[in-house]
């Protein structure tokens, strides 16, 4: 997907790429709901901050489209995985967003170093 987004970004602006990706996704989901037998889409019950996930999705598609043209799909994905690993470790450690607290400890260091070492090799 990252490679194709990058190719699409050669012809469209990053905003247009993100709009296209999310528009097609929304259309497919609406068709699924329609053919599944209808039903109402309920948007309540969750804390308001979790709806920021939509902004995160737009940011992810836009930045991956931008980066894949400049540094390649593989390196874009490697940087993405390393960033998500770091962010997830912080969320777990501090129990952000209501997730259970899982403190960072030294047993988690080797896998993190392995991922960062792979990223360093790709950058080298």
PDB file of N, CA and C in Angstrom:
ATOM      1  N   UNK A   1       0.828  -1.189   0.000  1.00  0.00           N
ATOM      2  CA  UNK A   1       0.000   0.000   0.000  1.00  0.00           C
ATOM      3  C   UNK A   1       0.873   1.255   0.000  1.00  0.00           C
ATOM      4  N   UNK A   2       1.960   1.214   0.779  1.00  0.00           N
ATOM      5  CA  UNK A   2       2.827   2.385   0.869  1.00  0.00           C
ATOM      6  C   UNK A   2       3.411   2.726  -0.498  1.00  0.00           C
ATOM      7  N   UNK A   3       3.852   1.715  -1.224  1.00  0.00           N
ATOM      8  CA  UNK A   3       4.426   1.958  -2.562  1.00  0.00           C
ATOM      9  C   UNK A   3       3.395   2.554  -3.499  1.00  0.00           C
ATOM     10  N   UNK A   4       2.195   2.001  -3.477  1.00  0.00           N
ATOM     11  CA  UNK A   4       1.140   2.483  -4.373  1.00  0.00           C
ATOM     12  C   UNK A   4       0.713   3.893  -3.989  1.00  0.00           C
ATOM     13  N   UNK A   5       0.642   4.177  -2.685  1.00  0.00           N
ATOM     14  CA  UNK A   5       0.337   5.541  -2.246  1.00  0.00           C
ATOM     15  C   UNK A   5       1.389   6.519  -2.759  1.00  0.00           C
ATOM     16  N   UNK A   6       2.652   6.090  -2.712  1.00  0.00           N
ATOM     17  CA  UNK A   6       3.728   6.940  -3.207  1.00  0.00           C
ATOM     18  C   UNK A   6       3.611   7.203  -4.692  1.00  0.00           C
ATOM     19  N   UNK A   7       3.253   6.174  -5.446  1.00  0.00           N
ATOM     20  CA  UNK A   7       3.064   6.343  -6.886  1.00  0.00           C
ATOM     21  C   UNK A   7       1.894   7.286  -7.156  1.00  0.00           C
ATOM     22  N   UNK A   8       0.824   7.107  -6.394  1.00  0.00           N
ATOM     23  CA  UNK A   8      -0.339   7.978  -6.553  1.00  0.00           C
ATOM     24  C   UNK A   8       0.011   9.424  -6.208  1.00  0.00           C
ATOM     25  N   UNK A   9       0.909   9.600  -5.237  1.00  0.00           N
ATOM     26  CA  UNK A   9       1.315  10.953  -4.841  1.00  0.00           C
ATOM     27  C   UNK A   9       2.113  11.656  -5.928  1.00  0.00           C
ATOM     28  N   UNK A  10       2.635  10.893  -6.917  1.00  0.00           N
ATOM     29  CA  UNK A  10       3.300  11.532  -8.055  1.00  0.00           C
ATOM     30  C   UNK A  10       2.298  12.280  -8.931  1.00  0.00           C
ATOM     31  N   UNK A  11       1.053  11.807  -8.936  1.00  0.00           N
ATOM     32  CA  UNK A  11       0.032  12.398  -9.797  1.00  0.00           C
ATOM     33  C   UNK A  11      -0.927  13.311  -9.053  1.00  0.00           C
ATOM     34  N   UNK A  12      -1.086  13.091  -7.771  1.00  0.00           N
ATOM     35  CA  UNK A  12      -2.036  13.864  -6.969  1.00  0.00           C
ATOM     36  C   UNK A  12      -1.314  14.520  -5.806  1.00  0.00           C
ATOM     37  N   UNK A  13      -1.952  15.496  -5.187  1.00  0.00           N
ATOM     38  CA  UNK A  13      -1.384  16.087  -3.976  1.00  0.00           C
ATOM     39  C   UNK A  13      -1.575  15.110  -2.815  1.00  0.00           C
ATOM     40  N   UNK A  14      -0.844  15.320  -1.738  1.00  0.00           N
ATOM     41  CA  UNK A  14      -0.978  14.440  -0.577  1.00  0.00           C
ATOM     42  C   UNK A  14      -2.396  14.476  -0.014  1.00  0.00           C
ATOM     43  N   UNK A  15      -3.024  15.651  -0.043  1.00  0.00           N
ATOM     44  CA  UNK A  15      -4.407  15.762   0.407  1.00  0.00           C
ATOM     45  C   UNK A  15      -5.314  14.903  -0.464  1.00  0.00           C
ATOM     46  N   UNK A  16      -5.111  14.957  -1.777  1.00  0.00           N
ATOM     47  CA  UNK A  16      -5.949  14.182  -2.694  1.00  0.00           C
ATOM     48  C   UNK A  16      -5.736  12.679  -2.517  1.00  0.00           C
ATOM     49  N   UNK A  17      -4.503  12.262  -2.270  1.00  0.00           N
ATOM     50  CA  UNK A  17      -4.229  10.841  -2.023  1.00  0.00           C
ATOM     51  C   UNK A  17      -4.980  10.382  -0.785  1.00  0.00           C
ATOM     52  N   UNK A  18      -4.868  11.143   0.293  1.00  0.00           N
ATOM     53  CA  UNK A  18      -5.544  10.779   1.533  1.00  0.00           C
ATOM     54  C   UNK A  18      -7.056  10.772   1.356  1.00  0.00           C
ATOM     55  N   UNK A  19      -7.580  11.756   0.645  1.00  0.00           N
ATOM     56  CA  UNK A  19      -9.019  11.809   0.387  1.00  0.00           C
ATOM     57  C   UNK A  19      -9.467  10.589  -0.411  1.00  0.00           C
ATOM     58  N   UNK A  20      -8.700  10.233  -1.439  1.00  0.00           N
ATOM     59  CA  UNK A  20      -9.028   9.087  -2.281  1.00  0.00           C
ATOM     60  C   UNK A  20      -9.024   7.789  -1.459  1.00  0.00           C
ATOM     61  N   UNK A  21      -7.972   7.571  -0.680  1.00  0.00           N
ATOM     62  CA  UNK A  21      -7.856   6.348   0.128  1.00  0.00           C
ATOM     63  C   UNK A  21      -9.007   6.249   1.127  1.00  0.00           C
ATOM     64  N   UNK A  22      -9.273   7.322   1.841  1.00  0.00           N
ATOM     65  CA  UNK A  22     -10.323   7.276   2.857  1.00  0.00           C
ATOM     66  C   UNK A  22     -11.719   7.298   2.245  1.00  0.00           C
ATOM     67  N   UNK A  23     -11.870   7.973   1.111  1.00  0.00           N
ATOM     68  CA  UNK A  23     -13.169   7.980   0.430  1.00  0.00           C
ATOM     69  C   UNK A  23     -13.556   6.595  -0.062  1.00  0.00           C
ATOM     70  N   UNK A  24     -12.602   5.882  -0.681  1.00  0.00           N
ATOM     71  CA  UNK A  24     -12.871   4.516  -1.136  1.00  0.00           C
ATOM     72  C   UNK A  24     -13.173   3.617   0.056  1.00  0.00           C
ATOM     73  N   UNK A  25     -12.416   3.785   1.132  1.00  0.00           N
ATOM     74  CA  UNK A  25     -12.671   2.997   2.340  1.00  0.00           C
ATOM     75  C   UNK A  25     -14.063   3.245   2.898  1.00  0.00           C
ATOM     76  N   UNK A  26     -14.481   4.507   2.948  1.00  0.00           N
ATOM     77  CA  UNK A  26     -15.811   4.838   3.455  1.00  0.00           C
ATOM     78  C   UNK A  26     -16.899   4.249   2.561  1.00  0.00           C
ATOM     79  N   UNK A  27     -16.706   4.346   1.252  1.00  0.00           N
ATOM     80  CA  UNK A  27     -17.680   3.786   0.318  1.00  0.00           C
ATOM     81  C   UNK A  27     -17.815   2.272   0.499  1.00  0.00           C
ATOM     82  N   UNK A  28     -16.695   1.580   0.607  1.00  0.00           N
ATOM     83  CA  UNK A  28     -16.739   0.129   0.795  1.00  0.00           C
ATOM     84  C   UNK A  28     -17.419  -0.254   2.115  1.00  0.00           C
ATOM     85  N   UNK A  29     -17.156   0.498   3.155  1.00  0.00           N
ATOM     86  CA  UNK A  29     -17.805   0.207   4.439  1.00  0.00           C
ATOM     87  C   UNK A  29     -19.308   0.464   4.377  1.00  0.00           C
ATOM     88  N   UNK A  30     -19.705   1.523   3.695  1.00  0.00           N
ATOM     89  CA  UNK A  30     -21.140   1.792   3.545  1.00  0.00           C
ATOM     90  C   UNK A  30     -21.821   0.693   2.733  1.00  0.00           C
ATOM     91  N   UNK A  31     -21.157   0.218   1.680  1.00  0.00           N
ATOM     92  CA  UNK A  31     -21.712  -0.902   0.905  1.00  0.00           C
ATOM     93  C   UNK A  31     -21.827  -2.161   1.761  1.00  0.00           C
ATOM     94  N   UNK A  32     -20.829  -2.414   2.584  1.00  0.00           N
ATOM     95  CA  UNK A  32     -20.875  -3.571   3.482  1.00  0.00           C
ATOM     96  C   UNK A  32     -22.069  -3.465   4.435  1.00  0.00           C
ATOM     97  N   UNK A  33     -22.254  -2.299   5.021  1.00  0.00           N
ATOM     98  CA  UNK A  33     -23.377  -2.102   5.943  1.00  0.00           C
ATOM     99  C   UNK A  33     -24.699  -2.295   5.216  1.00  0.00           C
ATOM    100  N   UNK A  34     -24.803  -1.752   4.012  1.00  0.00           N
ATOM    101  CA  UNK A  34     -26.030  -1.872   3.229  1.00  0.00           C
ATOM    102  C   UNK A  34     -26.341  -3.337   2.918  1.00  0.00           C
ATOM    103  N   UNK A  35     -25.371  -4.089   2.430  1.00  0.00           N
ATOM    104  CA  UNK A  35     -25.612  -5.477   2.035  1.00  0.00           C
ATOM    105  C   UNK A  35     -25.688  -6.429   3.218  1.00  0.00           C
ATOM    106  N   UNK A  36     -25.175  -6.016   4.352  1.00  0.00           N
ATOM    107  CA  UNK A  36     -25.257  -6.832   5.552  1.00  0.00           C
ATOM    108  C   UNK A  36     -26.669  -6.814   6.130  1.00  0.00           C
ATOM    109  N   UNK A  37     -27.439  -5.902   5.711  1.00  0.00           N
ATOM    110  CA  UNK A  37     -28.809  -5.839   6.209  1.00  0.00           C
ATOM    111  C   UNK A  37     -29.130  -4.523   6.870  1.00  0.00           C
ATOM    112  N   UNK A  38     -28.339  -3.546   6.621  1.00  0.00           N
ATOM    113  CA  UNK A  38     -28.609  -2.220   7.161  1.00  0.00           C
ATOM    114  C   UNK A  38     -28.154  -2.088   8.590  1.00  0.00           C
ATOM    115  N   UNK A  39     -28.865  -1.316   9.303  1.00  0.00           N
ATOM    116  CA  UNK A  39     -28.487  -1.032  10.673  1.00  0.00           C
ATOM    117  C   UNK A  39     -27.941   0.379  10.766  1.00  0.00           C
ATOM    118  N   UNK A  40     -28.076   0.910  11.943  1.00  0.00           N
ATOM    119  CA  UNK A  40     -27.610   2.272  12.156  1.00  0.00           C
ATOM    120  C   UNK A  40     -26.142   2.259  12.576  1.00  0.00           C
ATOM    121  N   UNK A  41     -25.456   3.297  12.171  1.00  0.00           N
ATOM    122  CA  UNK A  41     -24.084   3.486  12.613  1.00  0.00           C
ATOM    123  C   UNK A  41     -24.139   4.279  13.909  1.00  0.00           C
ATOM    124  N   UNK A  42     -23.625   3.676  14.952  1.00  0.00           N
ATOM    125  CA  UNK A  42     -23.675   4.302  16.279  1.00  0.00           C
ATOM    126  C   UNK A  42     -22.304   4.869  16.599  1.00  0.00           C
ATOM    127  N   UNK A  43     -22.249   6.133  16.930  1.00  0.00           N
ATOM    128  CA  UNK A  43     -20.982   6.792  17.213  1.00  0.00           C
ATOM    129  C   UNK A  43     -20.879   7.258  18.657  1.00  0.00           C
ATOM    130  N   UNK A  44     -21.569   6.622  19.538  1.00  0.00           N
ATOM    131  CA  UNK A  44     -21.522   7.056  20.925  1.00  0.00           C
ATOM    132  C   UNK A  44     -20.908   6.010  21.818  1.00  0.00           C
ATOM    133  N   UNK A  45     -20.727   6.365  23.056  1.00  0.00           N
ATOM    134  CA  UNK A  45     -20.281   5.410  24.056  1.00  0.00           C
ATOM    135  C   UNK A  45     -18.794   5.401  24.329  1.00  0.00           C
ATOM    136  N   UNK A  46     -18.003   5.858  23.401  1.00  0.00           N
ATOM    137  CA  UNK A  46     -16.549   5.869  23.601  1.00  0.00           C
ATOM    138  C   UNK A  46     -16.117   7.268  24.046  1.00  0.00           C
ATOM    139  N   UNK A  47     -15.009   7.344  24.784  1.00  0.00           N
ATOM    140  CA  UNK A  47     -14.492   8.677  25.150  1.00  0.00           C
ATOM    141  C   UNK A  47     -14.173   9.481  23.881  1.00  0.00           C
ATOM    142  N   UNK A  48     -14.351  10.784  23.960  1.00  0.00           N
ATOM    143  CA  UNK A  48     -14.185  11.629  22.781  1.00  0.00           C
ATOM    144  C   UNK A  48     -12.788  11.536  22.170  1.00  0.00           C
ATOM    145  N   UNK A  49     -11.754  11.377  22.999  1.00  0.00           N
ATOM    146  CA  UNK A  49     -10.402  11.373  22.451  1.00  0.00           C
ATOM    147  C   UNK A  49     -10.130  10.185  21.530  1.00  0.00           C
ATOM    148  N   UNK A  50     -10.879   9.102  21.627  1.00  0.00           N
ATOM    149  CA  UNK A  50     -10.608   7.957  20.747  1.00  0.00           C
ATOM    150  C   UNK A  50     -11.011   8.236  19.302  1.00  0.00           C
ATOM    151  N   UNK A  51     -11.846   9.223  19.091  1.00  0.00           N
ATOM    152  CA  UNK A  51     -12.232   9.564  17.729  1.00  0.00           C
ATOM    153  C   UNK A  51     -11.108  10.291  16.990  1.00  0.00           C
ATOM    154  N   UNK A  52     -10.036  10.632  17.696  1.00  0.00           N
ATOM    155  CA  UNK A  52      -8.859  11.207  17.045  1.00  0.00           C
ATOM    156  C   UNK A  52      -8.181  10.190  16.127  1.00  0.00           C
ATOM    157  N   UNK A  53      -8.571   8.928  16.241  1.00  0.00           N
ATOM    158  CA  UNK A  53      -7.985   7.893  15.392  1.00  0.00           C
ATOM    159  C   UNK A  53      -8.196   8.215  13.914  1.00  0.00           C
ATOM    160  N   UNK A  54      -9.251   8.904  13.584  1.00  0.00           N
ATOM    161  CA  UNK A  54      -9.471   9.308  12.190  1.00  0.00           C
ATOM    162  C   UNK A  54      -8.394  10.267  11.716  1.00  0.00           C
ATOM    163  N   UNK A  55      -8.011  11.216  12.565  1.00  0.00           N
ATOM    164  CA  UNK A  55      -6.931  12.134  12.220  1.00  0.00           C
ATOM    165  C   UNK A  55      -5.609  11.388  12.100  1.00  0.00           C
ATOM    166  N   UNK A  56      -5.422  10.405  12.979  1.00  0.00           N
ATOM    167  CA  UNK A  56      -4.194   9.608  12.919  1.00  0.00           C
ATOM    168  C   UNK A  56      -4.121   8.820  11.610  1.00  0.00           C
ATOM    169  N   UNK A  57      -5.250   8.309  11.153  1.00  0.00           N
ATOM    170  CA  UNK A  57      -5.282   7.580   9.896  1.00  0.00           C
ATOM    171  C   UNK A  57      -4.919   8.467   8.721  1.00  0.00           C
ATOM    172  N   UNK A  58      -5.458   9.685   8.717  1.00  0.00           N
ATOM    173  CA  UNK A  58      -5.126  10.634   7.656  1.00  0.00           C
ATOM    174  C   UNK A  58      -3.637  10.970   7.715  1.00  0.00           C
ATOM    175  N   UNK A  59      -3.116  11.190   8.913  1.00  0.00           N
ATOM    176  CA  UNK A  59      -1.687  11.508   9.060  1.00  0.00           C
ATOM    177  C   UNK A  59      -0.826  10.343   8.592  1.00  0.00           C
ATOM    178  N   UNK A  60      -1.222   9.124   8.900  1.00  0.00           N
ATOM    179  CA  UNK A  60      -0.443   7.952   8.497  1.00  0.00           C
ATOM    180  C   UNK A  60      -0.402   7.795   6.981  1.00  0.00           C
ATOM    181  N   UNK A  61      -1.553   7.905   6.330  1.00  0.00           N
ATOM    182  CA  UNK A  61      -1.593   7.771   4.872  1.00  0.00           C
ATOM    183  C   UNK A  61      -0.803   8.905   4.214  1.00  0.00           C
ATOM    184  N   UNK A  62      -0.969  10.119   4.704  1.00  0.00           N
ATOM    185  CA  UNK A  62      -0.294  11.267   4.108  1.00  0.00           C
ATOM    186  C   UNK A  62       1.216  11.177   4.272  1.00  0.00           C
ATOM    187  N   UNK A  63       1.676  10.874   5.483  1.00  0.00           N
ATOM    188  CA  UNK A  63       3.123  10.817   5.697  1.00  0.00           C
ATOM    189  C   UNK A  63       3.753   9.625   4.981  1.00  0.00           C
ATOM    190  N   UNK A  64       3.061   8.487   4.928  1.00  0.00           N
ATOM    191  CA  UNK A  64       3.639   7.342   4.220  1.00  0.00           C
ATOM    192  C   UNK A  64       3.707   7.614   2.719  1.00  0.00           C
ATOM    193  N   UNK A  65       2.717   8.312   2.170  1.00  0.00           N
ATOM    194  CA  UNK A  65       2.755   8.684   0.750  1.00  0.00           C
ATOM    195  C   UNK A  65       3.915   9.635   0.473  1.00  0.00           C
ATOM    196  N   UNK A  66       4.105  10.580   1.363  1.00  0.00           N
ATOM    197  CA  UNK A  66       5.187  11.552   1.221  1.00  0.00           C
ATOM    198  C   UNK A  66       6.553  10.877   1.331  1.00  0.00           C
ATOM    199  N   UNK A  67       6.714  10.044   2.352  1.00  0.00           N
ATOM    200  CA  UNK A  67       8.025   9.442   2.619  1.00  0.00           C
ATOM    201  C   UNK A  67       8.408   8.356   1.624  1.00  0.00           C
ATOM    202  N   UNK A  68       7.445   7.589   1.153  1.00  0.00           N
ATOM    203  CA  UNK A  68       7.797   6.472   0.270  1.00  0.00           C
ATOM    204  C   UNK A  68       8.414   6.959  -1.038  1.00  0.00           C
ATOM    205  N   UNK A  69       8.025   8.138  -1.504  1.00  0.00           N
ATOM    206  CA  UNK A  69       8.624   8.700  -2.718  1.00  0.00           C
ATOM    207  C   UNK A  69      10.042   9.194  -2.480  1.00  0.00           C
ATOM    208  N   UNK A  70      10.366   9.516  -1.261  1.00  0.00           N
ATOM    209  CA  UNK A  70      11.661  10.106  -0.971  1.00  0.00           C
ATOM    210  C   UNK A  70      12.675   9.110  -0.434  1.00  0.00           C
ATOM    211  N   UNK A  71      12.214   8.088   0.301  1.00  0.00           N
ATOM    212  CA  UNK A  71      13.172   7.157   0.898  1.00  0.00           C
ATOM    213  C   UNK A  71      12.835   5.697   0.657  1.00  0.00           C
ATOM    214  N   UNK A  72      11.809   5.425  -0.119  1.00  0.00           N
ATOM    215  CA  UNK A  72      11.450   4.053  -0.447  1.00  0.00           C
ATOM    216  C   UNK A  72      10.448   3.458   0.519  1.00  0.00           C
ATOM    217  N   UNK A  73       9.724   2.452   0.043  1.00  0.00           N
ATOM    218  CA  UNK A  73       8.659   1.842   0.848  1.00  0.00           C
ATOM    219  C   UNK A  73       9.218   1.071   2.043  1.00  0.00           C
ATOM    220  N   UNK A  74      10.308   0.328   1.851  1.00  0.00           N
ATOM    221  CA  UNK A  74      10.847  -0.498   2.934  1.00  0.00           C
ATOM    222  C   UNK A  74      11.346   0.364   4.094  1.00  0.00           C
ATOM    223  N   UNK A  75      12.084   1.414   3.791  1.00  0.00           N
ATOM    224  CA  UNK A  75      12.579   2.284   4.853  1.00  0.00           C
ATOM    225  C   UNK A  75      11.430   3.044   5.519  1.00  0.00           C
ATOM    226  N   UNK A  76      10.440   3.443   4.727  1.00  0.00           N
ATOM    227  CA  UNK A  76       9.259   4.096   5.298  1.00  0.00           C
ATOM    228  C   UNK A  76       8.583   3.177   6.320  1.00  0.00           C
ATOM    229  N   UNK A  77       8.424   1.916   5.957  1.00  0.00           N
ATOM    230  CA  UNK A  77       7.786   0.969   6.882  1.00  0.00           C
ATOM    231  C   UNK A  77       8.658   0.715   8.107  1.00  0.00           C
ATOM    232  N   UNK A  78       9.974   0.637   7.929  1.00  0.00           N
ATOM    233  CA  UNK A  78      10.876   0.411   9.058  1.00  0.00           C
ATOM    234  C   UNK A  78      10.809   1.573  10.055  1.00  0.00           C
ATOM    235  N   UNK A  79      10.820   2.790   9.537  1.00  0.00           N
ATOM    236  CA  UNK A  79      10.709   3.968  10.406  1.00  0.00           C
ATOM    237  C   UNK A  79       9.351   3.974  11.106  1.00  0.00           C
ATOM    238  N   UNK A  80       8.310   3.608  10.378  1.00  0.00           N
ATOM    239  CA  UNK A  80       6.969   3.556  10.948  1.00  0.00           C
ATOM    240  C   UNK A  80       6.884   2.543  12.088  1.00  0.00           C
ATOM    241  N   UNK A  81       7.450   1.357  11.867  1.00  0.00           N
ATOM    242  CA  UNK A  81       7.424   0.326  12.912  1.00  0.00           C
ATOM    243  C   UNK A  81       8.205   0.781  14.138  1.00  0.00           C
ATOM    244  N   UNK A  82       9.380   1.377  13.927  1.00  0.00           N
ATOM    245  CA  UNK A  82      10.188   1.850  15.058  1.00  0.00           C
ATOM    246  C   UNK A  82       9.450   2.953  15.824  1.00  0.00           C
ATOM    247  N   UNK A  83       8.823   3.868  15.102  1.00  0.00           N
ATOM    248  CA  UNK A  83       8.066   4.936  15.770  1.00  0.00           C
ATOM    249  C   UNK A  83       6.866   4.410  16.529  1.00  0.00           C
ATOM    250  N   UNK A  84       6.155   3.453  15.932  1.00  0.00           N
ATOM    251  CA  UNK A  84       5.002   2.868  16.614  1.00  0.00           C
ATOM    252  C   UNK A  84       5.438   2.073  17.843  1.00  0.00           C
ATOM    253  N   UNK A  85       6.595   1.417  17.760  1.00  0.00           N
ATOM    254  CA  UNK A  85       7.112   0.676  18.903  1.00  0.00           C
ATOM    255  C   UNK A  85       7.411   1.632  20.061  1.00  0.00           C
ATOM    256  N   UNK A  86       8.081   2.740  19.763  1.00  0.00           N
ATOM    257  CA  UNK A  86       8.407   3.707  20.803  1.00  0.00           C
ATOM    258  C   UNK A  86       7.146   4.319  21.405  1.00  0.00           C
ATOM    259  N   UNK A  87       6.208   4.711  20.552  1.00  0.00           N
ATOM    260  CA  UNK A  87       4.964   5.306  21.053  1.00  0.00           C
ATOM    261  C   UNK A  87       4.170   4.301  21.875  1.00  0.00           C
ATOM    262  N   UNK A  88       4.118   3.060  21.423  1.00  0.00           N
ATOM    263  CA  UNK A  88       3.377   2.027  22.155  1.00  0.00           C
ATOM    264  C   UNK A  88       4.010   1.744  23.511  1.00  0.00           C
ATOM    265  N   UNK A  89       5.335   1.762  23.563  1.00  0.00           N
ATOM    266  CA  UNK A  89       6.022   1.546  24.842  1.00  0.00           C
ATOM    267  C   UNK A  89       5.670   2.649  25.837  1.00  0.00           C
ATOM    268  N   UNK A  90       5.582   3.886  25.345  1.00  0.00           N
ATOM    269  CA  UNK A  90       5.196   4.997  26.229  1.00  0.00           C
ATOM    270  C   UNK A  90       3.748   4.861  26.689  1.00  0.00           C
ATOM    271  N   UNK A  91       2.864   4.498  25.773  1.00  0.00           N
ATOM    272  CA  UNK A  91       1.450   4.321  26.129  1.00  0.00           C
ATOM    273  C   UNK A  91       1.317   3.225  27.183  1.00  0.00           C
ATOM    274  N   UNK A  92       1.993   2.096  26.980  1.00  0.00           N
ATOM    275  CA  UNK A  92       1.950   1.000  27.949  1.00  0.00           C
ATOM    276  C   UNK A  92       2.540   1.416  29.291  1.00  0.00           C
ATOM    277  N   UNK A  93       3.704   2.037  29.264  1.00  0.00           N
ATOM    278  CA  UNK A  93       4.414   2.373  30.498  1.00  0.00           C
ATOM    279  C   UNK A  93       3.609   3.314  31.400  1.00  0.00           C
ATOM    280  N   UNK A  94       2.965   4.289  30.781  1.00  0.00           N
ATOM    281  CA  UNK A  94       2.215   5.274  31.562  1.00  0.00           C
ATOM    282  C   UNK A  94       0.718   4.980  31.633  1.00  0.00           C
ATOM    283  N   UNK A  95       0.265   3.933  30.961  1.00  0.00           N
ATOM    284  CA  UNK A  95      -1.155   3.599  30.991  1.00  0.00           C
ATOM    285  C   UNK A  95      -2.021   4.657  30.340  1.00  0.00           C
ATOM    286  N   UNK A  96      -1.510   5.265  29.282  1.00  0.00           N
ATOM    287  CA  UNK A  96      -2.263   6.333  28.607  1.00  0.00           C
ATOM    288  C   UNK A  96      -3.505   5.765  27.922  1.00  0.00           C
ATOM    289  N   UNK A  97      -4.486   6.583  27.752  1.00  0.00           N
ATOM    290  CA  UNK A  97      -5.729   6.247  27.044  1.00  0.00           C
ATOM    291  C   UNK A  97      -6.475   5.096  27.718  1.00  0.00           C
ATOM    292  N   UNK A  98      -6.238   4.890  28.991  1.00  0.00           N
ATOM    293  CA  UNK A  98      -6.974   3.861  29.723  1.00  0.00           C
ATOM    294  C   UNK A  98      -6.483   2.435  29.522  1.00  0.00           C
ATOM    295  N   UNK A  99      -5.339   2.239  28.864  1.00  0.00           N
ATOM    296  CA  UNK A  99      -4.826   0.878  28.708  1.00  0.00           C
ATOM    297  C   UNK A  99      -4.168   0.439  30.010  1.00  0.00           C
ATOM    298  N   UNK A 100      -4.105  -0.872  30.258  1.00  0.00           N
ATOM    299  CA  UNK A 100      -3.433  -1.336  31.477  1.00  0.00           C
ATOM    300  C   UNK A 100      -1.954  -0.920  31.477  1.00  0.00           C
ATOM    301  N   UNK A 101      -1.456  -0.570  32.639  1.00  0.00           N
ATOM    302  CA  UNK A 101      -0.055  -0.170  32.777  1.00  0.00           C
ATOM    303  C   UNK A 101       0.828  -1.408  32.666  1.00  0.00           C
ATOM    304  N   UNK A 102       1.751  -1.368  31.728  1.00  0.00           N
ATOM    305  CA  UNK A 102       2.772  -2.410  31.588  1.00  0.00           C
ATOM    306  C   UNK A 102       4.102  -1.667  31.548  1.00  0.00           C
ATOM    307  N   UNK A 103       4.772  -1.654  32.688  1.00  0.00           N
ATOM    308  CA  UNK A 103       6.008  -0.893  32.824  1.00  0.00           C
ATOM    309  C   UNK A 103       7.101  -1.427  31.909  1.00  0.00           C
ATOM    310  N   UNK A 104       7.878  -0.494  31.379  1.00  0.00           N
ATOM    311  CA  UNK A 104       9.017  -0.874  30.554  1.00  0.00           C
ATOM    312  C   UNK A 104      10.068  -1.469  31.474  1.00  0.00           C
ATOM    313  N   UNK A 105      10.680  -2.561  31.050  1.00  0.00           N
ATOM    314  CA  UNK A 105      11.751  -3.158  31.832  1.00  0.00           C
ATOM    315  C   UNK A 105      12.879  -3.584  30.906  1.00  0.00           C
ATOM    316  N   UNK A 106      13.955  -4.036  31.492  1.00  0.00           N
ATOM    317  CA  UNK A 106      15.158  -4.353  30.715  1.00  0.00           C
ATOM    318  C   UNK A 106      14.976  -5.560  29.800  1.00  0.00           C
ATOM    319  N   UNK A 107      13.984  -6.409  30.063  1.00  0.00           N
ATOM    320  CA  UNK A 107      13.729  -7.542  29.167  1.00  0.00           C
ATOM    321  C   UNK A 107      13.207  -7.080  27.814  1.00  0.00           C
ATOM    322  N   UNK A 108      12.689  -5.883  27.748  1.00  0.00           N
ATOM    323  CA  UNK A 108      12.183  -5.342  26.485  1.00  0.00           C
ATOM    324  C   UNK A 108      13.278  -4.688  25.650  1.00  0.00           C
ATOM    325  N   UNK A 109      14.449  -4.515  26.231  1.00  0.00           N
ATOM    326  CA  UNK A 109      15.526  -3.837  25.519  1.00  0.00           C
ATOM    327  C   UNK A 109      16.037  -4.620  24.306  1.00  0.00           C
ATOM    328  N   UNK A 110      16.313  -5.924  24.405  1.00  0.00           N
ATOM    329  CA  UNK A 110      16.840  -6.631  23.219  1.00  0.00           C
ATOM    330  C   UNK A 110      15.950  -6.555  21.975  1.00  0.00           C
ATOM    331  N   UNK A 111      14.627  -6.773  22.073  1.00  0.00           N
ATOM    332  CA  UNK A 111      13.819  -6.636  20.856  1.00  0.00           C
ATOM    333  C   UNK A 111      13.841  -5.206  20.298  1.00  0.00           C
ATOM    334  N   UNK A 112      13.834  -4.230  21.185  1.00  0.00           N
ATOM    335  CA  UNK A 112      13.883  -2.833  20.726  1.00  0.00           C
ATOM    336  C   UNK A 112      15.200  -2.559  20.018  1.00  0.00           C
ATOM    337  N   UNK A 113      16.301  -3.050  20.585  1.00  0.00           N
ATOM    338  CA  UNK A 113      17.603  -2.858  19.953  1.00  0.00           C
ATOM    339  C   UNK A 113      17.683  -3.580  18.614  1.00  0.00           C
ATOM    340  N   UNK A 114      17.062  -4.745  18.526  1.00  0.00           N
ATOM    341  CA  UNK A 114      17.046  -5.496  17.274  1.00  0.00           C
ATOM    342  C   UNK A 114      16.332  -4.706  16.173  1.00  0.00           C
ATOM    343  N   UNK A 115      15.182  -4.131  16.516  1.00  0.00           N
ATOM    344  CA  UNK A 115      14.430  -3.328  15.542  1.00  0.00           C
ATOM    345  C   UNK A 115      15.214  -2.073  15.173  1.00  0.00           C
ATOM    346  N   UNK A 116      15.793  -1.411  16.170  1.00  0.00           N
ATOM    347  CA  UNK A 116      16.579  -0.207  15.877  1.00  0.00           C
ATOM    348  C   UNK A 116      17.842  -0.542  15.096  1.00  0.00           C
ATOM    349  N   UNK A 117      18.451  -1.710  15.378  1.00  0.00           N
ATOM    350  CA  UNK A 117      19.619  -2.137  14.620  1.00  0.00           C
ATOM    351  C   UNK A 117      19.264  -2.394  13.160  1.00  0.00           C
ATOM    352  N   UNK A 118      18.126  -3.025  12.914  1.00  0.00           N
ATOM    353  CA  UNK A 118      17.678  -3.229  11.543  1.00  0.00           C
ATOM    354  C   UNK A 118      17.426  -1.915  10.833  1.00  0.00           C
ATOM    355  N   UNK A 119      16.844  -0.975  11.536  1.00  0.00           N
ATOM    356  CA  UNK A 119      16.611   0.359  10.957  1.00  0.00           C
ATOM    357  C   UNK A 119      17.944   1.034  10.644  1.00  0.00           C
ATOM    358  N   UNK A 120      18.904   0.918  11.561  1.00  0.00           N
ATOM    359  CA  UNK A 120      20.228   1.517  11.338  1.00  0.00           C
ATOM    360  C   UNK A 120      20.898   0.892  10.107  1.00  0.00           C
ATOM    361  N   UNK A 121      20.786  -0.442   9.952  1.00  0.00           N
ATOM    362  CA  UNK A 121      21.358  -1.094   8.772  1.00  0.00           C
ATOM    363  C   UNK A 121      20.706  -0.581   7.484  1.00  0.00           C
ATOM    364  N   UNK A 122      19.407  -0.377   7.532  1.00  0.00           N
ATOM    365  CA  UNK A 122      18.719   0.117   6.324  1.00  0.00           C
ATOM    366  C   UNK A 122      19.156   1.552   6.006  1.00  0.00           C
ATOM    367  N   UNK A 123      19.373   2.346   7.032  1.00  0.00           N
ATOM    368  CA  UNK A 123      19.823   3.724   6.810  1.00  0.00           C
ATOM    369  C   UNK A 123      21.261   3.768   6.303  1.00  0.00           C
ATOM    370  N   UNK A 124      22.074   2.807   6.731  1.00  0.00           N
ATOM    371  CA  UNK A 124      23.470   2.749   6.334  1.00  0.00           C
ATOM    372  C   UNK A 124      23.588   2.273   4.924  1.00  0.00           C
TER     373      UNK A 124
END
